[in-house]
Amino acid sequence: MHAFDVLGDPVRRRILELLADGERSAGEVSAVIQEEFGISQPGVSQHLRVLRENGFTTVRAAGTRRLYAVDPAPLQEIDRWLERYRGFWTQRLDALGTEIARGRRERRRAEESARES
């Protein structure tokens, strides 16, 4: 399965968001996903399996629990693929940053002028 196919599903993206904060048990992930998406525990397990089989997560046993964590390798591959497209938005983001800074400077000057008056 292609990385974008895996990440195209909102449930799988949410699972990765949860795991980005650190390792979690399958039960913890299932509880959040069931609450947010209203899907069954077997459904959540299926999404965890897809993520694991496609290299986005790792799993380790800790007694009877299964602990999942993000494996960054596939995300790094996506990041490398996106690199060629960053130029399309980087310049615009830099321009936005400049405008935000300009607005802050002008606001600060206006506040200083108001205090002096």
PDB file of N, CA and C in Angstrom:
ATOM      1  N   MET A   1       0.849  -1.170   0.000  1.00  0.00           N
ATOM      2  CA  MET A   1       0.000   0.000   0.000  1.00  0.00           C
ATOM      3  C   MET A   1       0.902   1.243   0.000  1.00  0.00           C
ATOM      4  N   HIS A   2       0.575   2.202  -0.806  1.00  0.00           N
ATOM      5  CA  HIS A   2       1.331   3.444  -0.902  1.00  0.00           C
ATOM      6  C   HIS A   2       1.119   4.273   0.366  1.00  0.00           C
ATOM      7  N   ALA A   3       2.122   5.006   0.764  1.00  0.00           N
ATOM      8  CA  ALA A   3       2.054   5.791   2.008  1.00  0.00           C
ATOM      9  C   ALA A   3       0.855   6.726   2.033  1.00  0.00           C
ATOM     10  N   PHE A   4       0.545   7.352   0.905  1.00  0.00           N
ATOM     11  CA  PHE A   4      -0.586   8.278   0.886  1.00  0.00           C
ATOM     12  C   PHE A   4      -1.919   7.534   0.988  1.00  0.00           C
ATOM     13  N   ASP A   5      -1.960   6.293   0.536  1.00  0.00           N
ATOM     14  CA  ASP A   5      -3.164   5.483   0.722  1.00  0.00           C
ATOM     15  C   ASP A   5      -3.361   5.187   2.208  1.00  0.00           C
ATOM     16  N   VAL A   6      -2.274   4.874   2.886  1.00  0.00           N
ATOM     17  CA  VAL A   6      -2.342   4.585   4.320  1.00  0.00           C
ATOM     18  C   VAL A   6      -2.798   5.832   5.071  1.00  0.00           C
ATOM     19  N   LEU A   7      -2.194   6.968   4.752  1.00  0.00           N
ATOM     20  CA  LEU A   7      -2.487   8.206   5.475  1.00  0.00           C
ATOM     21  C   LEU A   7      -3.753   8.899   4.987  1.00  0.00           C
ATOM     22  N   GLY A   8      -4.338   8.404   3.914  1.00  0.00           N
ATOM     23  CA  GLY A   8      -5.568   8.993   3.395  1.00  0.00           C
ATOM     24  C   GLY A   8      -6.767   8.754   4.296  1.00  0.00           C
ATOM     25  N   ASP A   9      -6.654   7.808   5.190  1.00  0.00           N
ATOM     26  CA  ASP A   9      -7.761   7.492   6.087  1.00  0.00           C
ATOM     27  C   ASP A   9      -7.668   8.337   7.356  1.00  0.00           C
ATOM     28  N   PRO A  10      -8.730   9.065   7.707  1.00  0.00           N
ATOM     29  CA  PRO A  10      -8.670   9.932   8.889  1.00  0.00           C
ATOM     30  C   PRO A  10      -8.470   9.175  10.204  1.00  0.00           C
ATOM     31  N   VAL A  11      -8.938   7.957  10.285  1.00  0.00           N
ATOM     32  CA  VAL A  11      -8.740   7.172  11.513  1.00  0.00           C
ATOM     33  C   VAL A  11      -7.259   6.862  11.688  1.00  0.00           C
ATOM     34  N   ARG A  12      -6.604   6.446  10.618  1.00  0.00           N
ATOM     35  CA  ARG A  12      -5.180   6.126  10.717  1.00  0.00           C
ATOM     36  C   ARG A  12      -4.349   7.376  11.000  1.00  0.00           C
ATOM     37  N   ARG A  13      -4.730   8.513  10.401  1.00  0.00           N
ATOM     38  CA  ARG A  13      -4.017   9.751  10.709  1.00  0.00           C
ATOM     39  C   ARG A  13      -4.174  10.103  12.190  1.00  0.00           C
ATOM     40  N   ARG A  14      -5.371   9.925  12.732  1.00  0.00           N
ATOM     41  CA  ARG A  14      -5.605  10.229  14.145  1.00  0.00           C
ATOM     42  C   ARG A  14      -4.811   9.297  15.055  1.00  0.00           C
ATOM     43  N   ILE A  15      -4.722   8.028  14.669  1.00  0.00           N
ATOM     44  CA  ILE A  15      -3.916   7.088  15.455  1.00  0.00           C
ATOM     45  C   ILE A  15      -2.461   7.554  15.485  1.00  0.00           C
ATOM     46  N   LEU A  16      -1.932   7.967  14.339  1.00  0.00           N
ATOM     47  CA  LEU A  16      -0.553   8.459  14.308  1.00  0.00           C
ATOM     48  C   LEU A  16      -0.398   9.710  15.159  1.00  0.00           C
ATOM     49  N   GLU A  17      -1.401  10.590  15.155  1.00  0.00           N
ATOM     50  CA  GLU A  17      -1.345  11.774  16.018  1.00  0.00           C
ATOM     51  C   GLU A  17      -1.253  11.367  17.486  1.00  0.00           C
ATOM     52  N   LEU A  18      -2.049  10.389  17.879  1.00  0.00           N
ATOM     53  CA  LEU A  18      -2.006   9.912  19.259  1.00  0.00           C
ATOM     54  C   LEU A  18      -0.636   9.342  19.602  1.00  0.00           C
ATOM     55  N   LEU A  19      -0.080   8.580  18.688  1.00  0.00           N
ATOM     56  CA  LEU A  19       1.204   7.930  18.938  1.00  0.00           C
ATOM     57  C   LEU A  19       2.375   8.898  18.841  1.00  0.00           C
ATOM     58  N   ALA A  20       2.171  10.030  18.190  1.00  0.00           N
ATOM     59  CA  ALA A  20       3.249  11.024  18.085  1.00  0.00           C
ATOM     60  C   ALA A  20       3.621  11.573  19.455  1.00  0.00           C
ATOM     61  N   ASP A  21       2.687  11.511  20.393  1.00  0.00           N
ATOM     62  CA  ASP A  21       2.951  11.977  21.754  1.00  0.00           C
ATOM     63  C   ASP A  21       3.685  10.932  22.586  1.00  0.00           C
ATOM     64  N   GLY A  22       3.862   9.745  22.053  1.00  0.00           N
ATOM     65  CA  GLY A  22       4.566   8.688  22.769  1.00  0.00           C
ATOM     66  C   GLY A  22       3.843   7.356  22.647  1.00  0.00           C
ATOM     67  N   GLU A  23       4.514   6.336  23.060  1.00  0.00           N
ATOM     68  CA  GLU A  23       4.007   4.969  23.001  1.00  0.00           C
ATOM     69  C   GLU A  23       2.684   4.849  23.770  1.00  0.00           C
ATOM     70  N   ARG A  24       1.741   4.101  23.185  1.00  0.00           N
ATOM     71  CA  ARG A  24       0.436   3.866  23.831  1.00  0.00           C
ATOM     72  C   ARG A  24       0.031   2.419  23.624  1.00  0.00           C
ATOM     73  N   SER A  25      -0.743   1.927  24.562  1.00  0.00           N
ATOM     74  CA  SER A  25      -1.240   0.556  24.420  1.00  0.00           C
ATOM     75  C   SER A  25      -2.356   0.526  23.386  1.00  0.00           C
ATOM     76  N   ALA A  26      -2.571  -0.645  22.833  1.00  0.00           N
ATOM     77  CA  ALA A  26      -3.658  -0.821  21.868  1.00  0.00           C
ATOM     78  C   ALA A  26      -4.992  -0.449  22.508  1.00  0.00           C
ATOM     79  N   GLY A  27      -5.160  -0.768  23.796  1.00  0.00           N
ATOM     80  CA  GLY A  27      -6.392  -0.440  24.503  1.00  0.00           C
ATOM     81  C   GLY A  27      -6.616   1.060  24.614  1.00  0.00           C
ATOM     82  N   GLU A  28      -5.546   1.804  24.901  1.00  0.00           N
ATOM     83  CA  GLU A  28      -5.659   3.266  24.990  1.00  0.00           C
ATOM     84  C   GLU A  28      -6.050   3.853  23.638  1.00  0.00           C
ATOM     85  N   VAL A  29      -5.375   3.393  22.592  1.00  0.00           N
ATOM     86  CA  VAL A  29      -5.674   3.885  21.238  1.00  0.00           C
ATOM     87  C   VAL A  29      -7.117   3.545  20.885  1.00  0.00           C
ATOM     88  N   SER A  30      -7.506   2.312  21.141  1.00  0.00           N
ATOM     89  CA  SER A  30      -8.871   1.879  20.824  1.00  0.00           C
ATOM     90  C   SER A  30      -9.917   2.722  21.529  1.00  0.00           C
ATOM     91  N   ALA A  31      -9.686   3.023  22.805  1.00  0.00           N
ATOM     92  CA  ALA A  31     -10.665   3.802  23.562  1.00  0.00           C
ATOM     93  C   ALA A  31     -10.873   5.178  22.939  1.00  0.00           C
ATOM     94  N   VAL A  32      -9.786   5.845  22.577  1.00  0.00           N
ATOM     95  CA  VAL A  32      -9.897   7.183  21.980  1.00  0.00           C
ATOM     96  C   VAL A  32     -10.575   7.113  20.617  1.00  0.00           C
ATOM     97  N   ILE A  33     -10.134   6.180  19.791  1.00  0.00           N
ATOM     98  CA  ILE A  33     -10.675   6.075  18.430  1.00  0.00           C
ATOM     99  C   ILE A  33     -12.145   5.669  18.458  1.00  0.00           C
ATOM    100  N   GLN A  34     -12.506   4.745  19.333  1.00  0.00           N
ATOM    101  CA  GLN A  34     -13.911   4.345  19.441  1.00  0.00           C
ATOM    102  C   GLN A  34     -14.769   5.531  19.852  1.00  0.00           C
ATOM    103  N   GLU A  35     -14.269   6.324  20.797  1.00  0.00           N
ATOM    104  CA  GLU A  35     -14.999   7.503  21.267  1.00  0.00           C
ATOM    105  C   GLU A  35     -15.155   8.543  20.147  1.00  0.00           C
ATOM    106  N   GLU A  36     -14.066   8.813  19.447  1.00  0.00           N
ATOM    107  CA  GLU A  36     -14.073   9.878  18.441  1.00  0.00           C
ATOM    108  C   GLU A  36     -14.744   9.482  17.127  1.00  0.00           C
ATOM    109  N   PHE A  37     -14.597   8.216  16.716  1.00  0.00           N
ATOM    110  CA  PHE A  37     -15.092   7.805  15.404  1.00  0.00           C
ATOM    111  C   PHE A  37     -16.269   6.835  15.473  1.00  0.00           C
ATOM    112  N   GLY A  38     -16.536   6.322  16.660  1.00  0.00           N
ATOM    113  CA  GLY A  38     -17.655   5.401  16.804  1.00  0.00           C
ATOM    114  C   GLY A  38     -17.470   4.079  16.091  1.00  0.00           C
ATOM    115  N   ILE A  39     -16.233   3.615  15.972  1.00  0.00           N
ATOM    116  CA  ILE A  39     -16.006   2.320  15.334  1.00  0.00           C
ATOM    117  C   ILE A  39     -15.684   1.279  16.410  1.00  0.00           C
ATOM    118  N   SER A  40     -15.810   0.030  16.053  1.00  0.00           N
ATOM    119  CA  SER A  40     -15.618  -1.060  17.011  1.00  0.00           C
ATOM    120  C   SER A  40     -14.136  -1.305  17.296  1.00  0.00           C
ATOM    121  N   GLN A  41     -13.887  -2.046  18.372  1.00  0.00           N
ATOM    122  CA  GLN A  41     -12.510  -2.410  18.715  1.00  0.00           C
ATOM    123  C   GLN A  41     -11.864  -3.219  17.591  1.00  0.00           C
ATOM    124  N   PRO A  42     -12.569  -4.209  16.983  1.00  0.00           N
ATOM    125  CA  PRO A  42     -11.946  -4.913  15.854  1.00  0.00           C
ATOM    126  C   PRO A  42     -11.622  -3.968  14.689  1.00  0.00           C
ATOM    127  N   GLY A  43     -12.440  -2.939  14.499  1.00  0.00           N
ATOM    128  CA  GLY A  43     -12.161  -1.957  13.446  1.00  0.00           C
ATOM    129  C   GLY A  43     -10.889  -1.182  13.738  1.00  0.00           C
ATOM    130  N   VAL A  44     -10.716  -0.794  14.992  1.00  0.00           N
ATOM    131  CA  VAL A  44      -9.497  -0.084  15.389  1.00  0.00           C
ATOM    132  C   VAL A  44      -8.291  -1.006  15.212  1.00  0.00           C
ATOM    133  N   SER A  45      -8.447  -2.252  15.600  1.00  0.00           N
ATOM    134  CA  SER A  45      -7.356  -3.228  15.449  1.00  0.00           C
ATOM    135  C   SER A  45      -6.944  -3.371  13.990  1.00  0.00           C
ATOM    136  N   GLN A  46      -7.914  -3.331  13.100  1.00  0.00           N
ATOM    137  CA  GLN A  46      -7.618  -3.420  11.663  1.00  0.00           C
ATOM    138  C   GLN A  46      -6.774  -2.216  11.221  1.00  0.00           C
ATOM    139  N   HIS A  47      -7.120  -1.025  11.689  1.00  0.00           N
ATOM    140  CA  HIS A  47      -6.341   0.167  11.335  1.00  0.00           C
ATOM    141  C   HIS A  47      -4.926   0.083  11.909  1.00  0.00           C
ATOM    142  N   LEU A  48      -4.810  -0.407  13.136  1.00  0.00           N
ATOM    143  CA  LEU A  48      -3.482  -0.587  13.729  1.00  0.00           C
ATOM    144  C   LEU A  48      -2.655  -1.584  12.918  1.00  0.00           C
ATOM    145  N   ARG A  49      -3.298  -2.629  12.446  1.00  0.00           N
ATOM    146  CA  ARG A  49      -2.601  -3.635  11.638  1.00  0.00           C
ATOM    147  C   ARG A  49      -2.101  -3.028  10.334  1.00  0.00           C
ATOM    148  N   VAL A  50      -2.945  -2.223   9.676  1.00  0.00           N
ATOM    149  CA  VAL A  50      -2.539  -1.579   8.415  1.00  0.00           C
ATOM    150  C   VAL A  50      -1.322  -0.685   8.664  1.00  0.00           C
ATOM    151  N   LEU A  51      -1.363   0.091   9.736  1.00  0.00           N
ATOM    152  CA  LEU A  51      -0.227   0.969  10.052  1.00  0.00           C
ATOM    153  C   LEU A  51       1.033   0.155  10.330  1.00  0.00           C
ATOM    154  N   ARG A  52       0.889  -0.927  11.079  1.00  0.00           N
ATOM    155  CA  ARG A  52       2.038  -1.779  11.411  1.00  0.00           C
ATOM    156  C   ARG A  52       2.604  -2.454  10.170  1.00  0.00           C
ATOM    157  N   GLU A  53       1.734  -3.046   9.358  1.00  0.00           N
ATOM    158  CA  GLU A  53       2.190  -3.786   8.174  1.00  0.00           C
ATOM    159  C   GLU A  53       2.814  -2.873   7.129  1.00  0.00           C
ATOM    160  N   ASN A  54       2.464  -1.600   7.155  1.00  0.00           N
ATOM    161  CA  ASN A  54       3.030  -0.655   6.194  1.00  0.00           C
ATOM    162  C   ASN A  54       4.174   0.160   6.786  1.00  0.00           C
ATOM    163  N   GLY A  55       4.619  -0.227   7.977  1.00  0.00           N
ATOM    164  CA  GLY A  55       5.820   0.351   8.566  1.00  0.00           C
ATOM    165  C   GLY A  55       5.643   1.668   9.292  1.00  0.00           C
ATOM    166  N   PHE A  56       4.409   2.135   9.492  1.00  0.00           N
ATOM    167  CA  PHE A  56       4.197   3.413  10.164  1.00  0.00           C
ATOM    168  C   PHE A  56       4.256   3.299  11.680  1.00  0.00           C
ATOM    169  N   THR A  57       4.050   2.100  12.199  1.00  0.00           N
ATOM    170  CA  THR A  57       4.122   1.894  13.638  1.00  0.00           C
ATOM    171  C   THR A  57       4.943   0.650  13.935  1.00  0.00           C
ATOM    172  N   THR A  58       5.426   0.630  15.154  1.00  0.00           N
ATOM    173  CA  THR A  58       6.054  -0.580  15.687  1.00  0.00           C
ATOM    174  C   THR A  58       5.187  -1.036  16.848  1.00  0.00           C
ATOM    175  N   VAL A  59       5.287  -2.295  17.186  1.00  0.00           N
ATOM    176  CA  VAL A  59       4.527  -2.826  18.311  1.00  0.00           C
ATOM    177  C   VAL A  59       5.443  -3.736  19.113  1.00  0.00           C
ATOM    178  N   ARG A  60       5.287  -3.669  20.424  1.00  0.00           N
ATOM    179  CA  ARG A  60       6.050  -4.567  21.296  1.00  0.00           C
ATOM    180  C   ARG A  60       5.115  -5.069  22.379  1.00  0.00           C
ATOM    181  N   ALA A  61       5.388  -6.270  22.787  1.00  0.00           N
ATOM    182  CA  ALA A  61       4.585  -6.882  23.846  1.00  0.00           C
ATOM    183  C   ALA A  61       5.150  -6.467  25.197  1.00  0.00           C
ATOM    184  N   ALA A  62       4.234  -6.159  26.103  1.00  0.00           N
ATOM    185  CA  ALA A  62       4.594  -5.882  27.502  1.00  0.00           C
ATOM    186  C   ALA A  62       3.579  -6.631  28.347  1.00  0.00           C
ATOM    187  N   GLY A  63       3.910  -7.865  28.657  1.00  0.00           N
ATOM    188  CA  GLY A  63       2.945  -8.736  29.333  1.00  0.00           C
ATOM    189  C   GLY A  63       1.817  -9.045  28.362  1.00  0.00           C
ATOM    190  N   THR A  64       0.597  -8.753  28.777  1.00  0.00           N
ATOM    191  CA  THR A  64      -0.558  -9.022  27.906  1.00  0.00           C
ATOM    192  C   THR A  64      -0.899  -7.822  27.023  1.00  0.00           C
ATOM    193  N   ARG A  65      -0.210  -6.723  27.232  1.00  0.00           N
ATOM    194  CA  ARG A  65      -0.491  -5.509  26.457  1.00  0.00           C
ATOM    195  C   ARG A  65       0.384  -5.427  25.215  1.00  0.00           C
ATOM    196  N   ARG A  66      -0.136  -4.757  24.198  1.00  0.00           N
ATOM    197  CA  ARG A  66       0.619  -4.453  22.984  1.00  0.00           C
ATOM    198  C   ARG A  66       0.811  -2.948  22.963  1.00  0.00           C
ATOM    199  N   LEU A  67       2.081  -2.531  22.929  1.00  0.00           N
ATOM    200  CA  LEU A  67       2.392  -1.104  22.947  1.00  0.00           C
ATOM    201  C   LEU A  67       2.817  -0.656  21.551  1.00  0.00           C
ATOM    202  N   TYR A  68       2.138   0.359  21.056  1.00  0.00           N
ATOM    203  CA  TYR A  68       2.391   0.881  19.713  1.00  0.00           C
ATOM    204  C   TYR A  68       3.163   2.189  19.794  1.00  0.00           C
ATOM    205  N   ALA A  69       4.020   2.415  18.804  1.00  0.00           N
ATOM    206  CA  ALA A  69       4.784   3.657  18.687  1.00  0.00           C
ATOM    207  C   ALA A  69       4.923   3.992  17.206  1.00  0.00           C
ATOM    208  N   VAL A  70       5.158   5.258  16.917  1.00  0.00           N
ATOM    209  CA  VAL A  70       5.374   5.699  15.538  1.00  0.00           C
ATOM    210  C   VAL A  70       6.751   5.247  15.090  1.00  0.00           C
ATOM    211  N   ASP A  71       6.819   4.743  13.871  1.00  0.00           N
ATOM    212  CA  ASP A  71       8.107   4.492  13.220  1.00  0.00           C
ATOM    213  C   ASP A  71       8.289   5.636  12.225  1.00  0.00           C
ATOM    214  N   PRO A  72       9.279   6.497  12.417  1.00  0.00           N
ATOM    215  CA  PRO A  72       9.396   7.693  11.585  1.00  0.00           C
ATOM    216  C   PRO A  72       9.863   7.452  10.148  1.00  0.00           C
ATOM    217  N   ALA A  73      10.393   6.290   9.827  1.00  0.00           N
ATOM    218  CA  ALA A  73      10.977   6.057   8.497  1.00  0.00           C
ATOM    219  C   ALA A  73      10.017   6.370   7.352  1.00  0.00           C
ATOM    220  N   PRO A  74       8.781   5.838   7.334  1.00  0.00           N
ATOM    221  CA  PRO A  74       7.894   6.157   6.215  1.00  0.00           C
ATOM    222  C   PRO A  74       7.526   7.643   6.156  1.00  0.00           C
ATOM    223  N   LEU A  75       7.455   8.292   7.312  1.00  0.00           N
ATOM    224  CA  LEU A  75       7.152   9.717   7.332  1.00  0.00           C
ATOM    225  C   LEU A  75       8.307  10.526   6.757  1.00  0.00           C
ATOM    226  N   GLN A  76       9.528  10.064   6.990  1.00  0.00           N
ATOM    227  CA  GLN A  76      10.697  10.725   6.415  1.00  0.00           C
ATOM    228  C   GLN A  76      10.696  10.569   4.896  1.00  0.00           C
ATOM    229  N   GLU A  77      10.250   9.411   4.409  1.00  0.00           N
ATOM    230  CA  GLU A  77      10.151   9.205   2.964  1.00  0.00           C
ATOM    231  C   GLU A  77       9.141  10.176   2.353  1.00  0.00           C
ATOM    232  N   ILE A  78       8.013  10.358   3.024  1.00  0.00           N
ATOM    233  CA  ILE A  78       6.999  11.304   2.554  1.00  0.00           C
ATOM    234  C   ILE A  78       7.570  12.715   2.560  1.00  0.00           C
ATOM    235  N   ASP A  79       8.299  13.051   3.620  1.00  0.00           N
ATOM    236  CA  ASP A  79       8.904  14.371   3.720  1.00  0.00           C
ATOM    237  C   ASP A  79       9.867  14.610   2.561  1.00  0.00           C
ATOM    238  N   ARG A  80      10.669  13.617   2.219  1.00  0.00           N
ATOM    239  CA  ARG A  80      11.592  13.752   1.078  1.00  0.00           C
ATOM    240  C   ARG A  80      10.818  13.942  -0.222  1.00  0.00           C
ATOM    241  N   TRP A  81       9.726  13.224  -0.387  1.00  0.00           N
ATOM    242  CA  TRP A  81       8.922  13.346  -1.597  1.00  0.00           C
ATOM    243  C   TRP A  81       8.324  14.757  -1.690  1.00  0.00           C
ATOM    244  N   LEU A  82       7.870  15.285  -0.553  1.00  0.00           N
ATOM    245  CA  LEU A  82       7.264  16.620  -0.527  1.00  0.00           C
ATOM    246  C   LEU A  82       8.278  17.735  -0.752  1.00  0.00           C
ATOM    247  N   GLU A  83       9.542  17.466  -0.535  1.00  0.00           N
ATOM    248  CA  GLU A  83      10.583  18.492  -0.635  1.00  0.00           C
ATOM    249  C   GLU A  83      10.514  19.258  -1.959  1.00  0.00           C
ATOM    250  N   ARG A  84      10.286  18.578  -3.048  1.00  0.00           N
ATOM    251  CA  ARG A  84      10.259  19.262  -4.346  1.00  0.00           C
ATOM    252  C   ARG A  84       9.090  20.235  -4.470  1.00  0.00           C
ATOM    253  N   TYR A  85       8.080  20.092  -3.632  1.00  0.00           N
ATOM    254  CA  TYR A  85       6.892  20.955  -3.707  1.00  0.00           C
ATOM    255  C   TYR A  85       6.916  22.086  -2.683  1.00  0.00           C
ATOM    256  N   ARG A  86       7.845  22.054  -1.747  1.00  0.00           N
ATOM    257  CA  ARG A  86       7.887  23.068  -0.694  1.00  0.00           C
ATOM    258  C   ARG A  86       8.056  24.479  -1.249  1.00  0.00           C
ATOM    259  N   GLY A  87       8.761  24.600  -2.342  1.00  0.00           N
ATOM    260  CA  GLY A  87       8.965  25.917  -2.950  1.00  0.00           C
ATOM    261  C   GLY A  87       7.665  26.612  -3.301  1.00  0.00           C
ATOM    262  N   PHE A  88       6.618  25.853  -3.542  1.00  0.00           N
ATOM    263  CA  PHE A  88       5.333  26.448  -3.892  1.00  0.00           C
ATOM    264  C   PHE A  88       4.726  27.218  -2.729  1.00  0.00           C
ATOM    265  N   TRP A  89       4.999  26.770  -1.507  1.00  0.00           N
ATOM    266  CA  TRP A  89       4.381  27.455  -0.378  1.00  0.00           C
ATOM    267  C   TRP A  89       5.376  28.170   0.538  1.00  0.00           C
ATOM    268  N   THR A  90       6.649  27.842   0.473  1.00  0.00           N
ATOM    269  CA  THR A  90       7.624  28.446   1.373  1.00  0.00           C
ATOM    270  C   THR A  90       7.696  29.956   1.179  1.00  0.00           C
ATOM    271  N   GLN A  91       7.771  30.416  -0.072  1.00  0.00           N
ATOM    272  CA  GLN A  91       7.859  31.850  -0.338  1.00  0.00           C
ATOM    273  C   GLN A  91       6.621  32.575   0.203  1.00  0.00           C
ATOM    274  N   ARG A  92       5.461  31.977   0.023  1.00  0.00           N
ATOM    275  CA  ARG A  92       4.232  32.607   0.515  1.00  0.00           C
ATOM    276  C   ARG A  92       4.199  32.649   2.043  1.00  0.00           C
ATOM    277  N   LEU A  93       4.677  31.593   2.676  1.00  0.00           N
ATOM    278  CA  LEU A  93       4.728  31.590   4.136  1.00  0.00           C
ATOM    279  C   LEU A  93       5.723  32.619   4.655  1.00  0.00           C
ATOM    280  N   ASP A  94       6.848  32.768   3.954  1.00  0.00           N
ATOM    281  CA  ASP A  94       7.820  33.794   4.350  1.00  0.00           C
ATOM    282  C   ASP A  94       7.204  35.185   4.224  1.00  0.00           C
ATOM    283  N   ALA A  95       6.461  35.420   3.141  1.00  0.00           N
ATOM    284  CA  ALA A  95       5.805  36.719   2.939  1.00  0.00           C
ATOM    285  C   ALA A  95       4.762  36.958   4.033  1.00  0.00           C
ATOM    286  N   LEU A  96       4.025  35.929   4.396  1.00  0.00           N
ATOM    287  CA  LEU A  96       3.040  36.050   5.469  1.00  0.00           C
ATOM    288  C   LEU A  96       3.735  36.411   6.786  1.00  0.00           C
ATOM    289  N   GLY A  97       4.844  35.768   7.077  1.00  0.00           N
ATOM    290  CA  GLY A  97       5.606  36.069   8.286  1.00  0.00           C
ATOM    291  C   GLY A  97       6.061  37.522   8.313  1.00  0.00           C
ATOM    292  N   THR A  98       6.490  38.028   7.164  1.00  0.00           N
ATOM    293  CA  THR A  98       6.903  39.427   7.064  1.00  0.00           C
ATOM    294  C   THR A  98       5.732  40.359   7.350  1.00  0.00           C
ATOM    295  N   GLU A  99       4.570  40.068   6.783  1.00  0.00           N
ATOM    296  CA  GLU A  99       3.383  40.904   7.009  1.00  0.00           C
ATOM    297  C   GLU A  99       2.931  40.872   8.466  1.00  0.00           C
ATOM    298  N   ILE A 100       3.008  39.716   9.083  1.00  0.00           N
ATOM    299  CA  ILE A 100       2.636  39.608  10.498  1.00  0.00           C
ATOM    300  C   ILE A 100       3.580  40.454  11.352  1.00  0.00           C
ATOM    301  N   ALA A 101       4.875  40.363  11.078  1.00  0.00           N
ATOM    302  CA  ALA A 101       5.861  41.156  11.830  1.00  0.00           C
ATOM    303  C   ALA A 101       5.628  42.645  11.613  1.00  0.00           C
ATOM    304  N   ARG A 102       5.326  43.032  10.383  1.00  0.00           N
ATOM    305  CA  ARG A 102       5.062  44.436  10.074  1.00  0.00           C
ATOM    306  C   ARG A 102       3.847  44.926  10.867  1.00  0.00           C
ATOM    307  N   GLY A 103       2.787  44.137  10.904  1.00  0.00           N
ATOM    308  CA  GLY A 103       1.587  44.505  11.644  1.00  0.00           C
ATOM    309  C   GLY A 103       1.868  44.653  13.136  1.00  0.00           C
ATOM    310  N   ARG A 104       2.674  43.770  13.694  1.00  0.00           N
ATOM    311  CA  ARG A 104       3.029  43.862  15.115  1.00  0.00           C
ATOM    312  C   ARG A 104       3.811  45.139  15.402  1.00  0.00           C
ATOM    313  N   ARG A 105       4.775  45.452  14.511  1.00  0.00           N
ATOM    314  CA  ARG A 105       5.562  46.673  14.681  1.00  0.00           C
ATOM    315  C   ARG A 105       4.666  47.908  14.648  1.00  0.00           C
ATOM    316  N   GLU A 106       3.753  47.942  13.679  1.00  0.00           N
ATOM    317  CA  GLU A 106       2.858  49.089  13.557  1.00  0.00           C
ATOM    318  C   GLU A 106       1.947  49.215  14.775  1.00  0.00           C
ATOM    319  N   ARG A 107       1.459  48.103  15.282  1.00  0.00           N
ATOM    320  CA  ARG A 107       0.604  48.112  16.474  1.00  0.00           C
ATOM    321  C   ARG A 107       1.385  48.623  17.685  1.00  0.00           C
ATOM    322  N   ARG A 108       2.616  48.157  17.838  1.00  0.00           N
ATOM    323  CA  ARG A 108       3.464  48.589  18.942  1.00  0.00           C
ATOM    324  C   ARG A 108       3.724  50.093  18.864  1.00  0.00           C
ATOM    325  N   ARG A 109       4.018  50.596  17.670  1.00  0.00           N
ATOM    326  CA  ARG A 109       4.258  52.034  17.486  1.00  0.00           C
ATOM    327  C   ARG A 109       3.010  52.831  17.824  1.00  0.00           C
ATOM    328  N   ALA A 110       1.855  52.329  17.389  1.00  0.00           N
ATOM    329  CA  ALA A 110       0.592  53.025  17.674  1.00  0.00           C
ATOM    330  C   ALA A 110       0.327  53.055  19.180  1.00  0.00           C
ATOM    331  N   GLU A 111       0.602  51.958  19.862  1.00  0.00           N
ATOM    332  CA  GLU A 111       0.407  51.916  21.313  1.00  0.00           C
ATOM    333  C   GLU A 111       1.364  52.860  22.029  1.00  0.00           C
ATOM    334  N   GLU A 112       2.607  52.928  21.564  1.00  0.00           N
ATOM    335  CA  GLU A 112       3.587  53.831  22.169  1.00  0.00           C
ATOM    336  C   GLU A 112       3.176  55.280  21.945  1.00  0.00           C
ATOM    337  N   SER A 113       2.687  55.588  20.761  1.00  0.00           N
ATOM    338  CA  SER A 113       2.225  56.952  20.457  1.00  0.00           C
ATOM    339  C   SER A 113       1.036  57.316  21.331  1.00  0.00           C
ATOM    340  N   ALA A 114       0.147  56.395  21.537  1.00  0.00           N
ATOM    341  CA  ALA A 114      -1.050  56.646  22.361  1.00  0.00           C
ATOM    342  C   ALA A 114      -0.652  56.904  23.800  1.00  0.00           C
ATOM    343  N   ARG A 115       0.348  56.191  24.302  1.00  0.00           N
ATOM    344  CA  ARG A 115       0.812  56.384  25.684  1.00  0.00           C
ATOM    345  C   ARG A 115       1.498  57.731  25.857  1.00  0.00           C
ATOM    346  N   GLU A 116       2.212  58.158  24.835  1.00  0.00           N
ATOM    347  CA  GLU A 116       2.952  59.427  24.892  1.00  0.00           C
ATOM    348  C   GLU A 116       1.999  60.620  24.815  1.00  0.00           C
ATOM    349  N   SER A 117       0.845  60.403  24.225  1.00  0.00           N
ATOM    350  CA  SER A 117      -0.116  61.523  24.052  1.00  0.00           C
ATOM    351  C   SER A 117      -0.842  61.854  25.296  1.00  0.00           C
TER     352      SER A 117
END
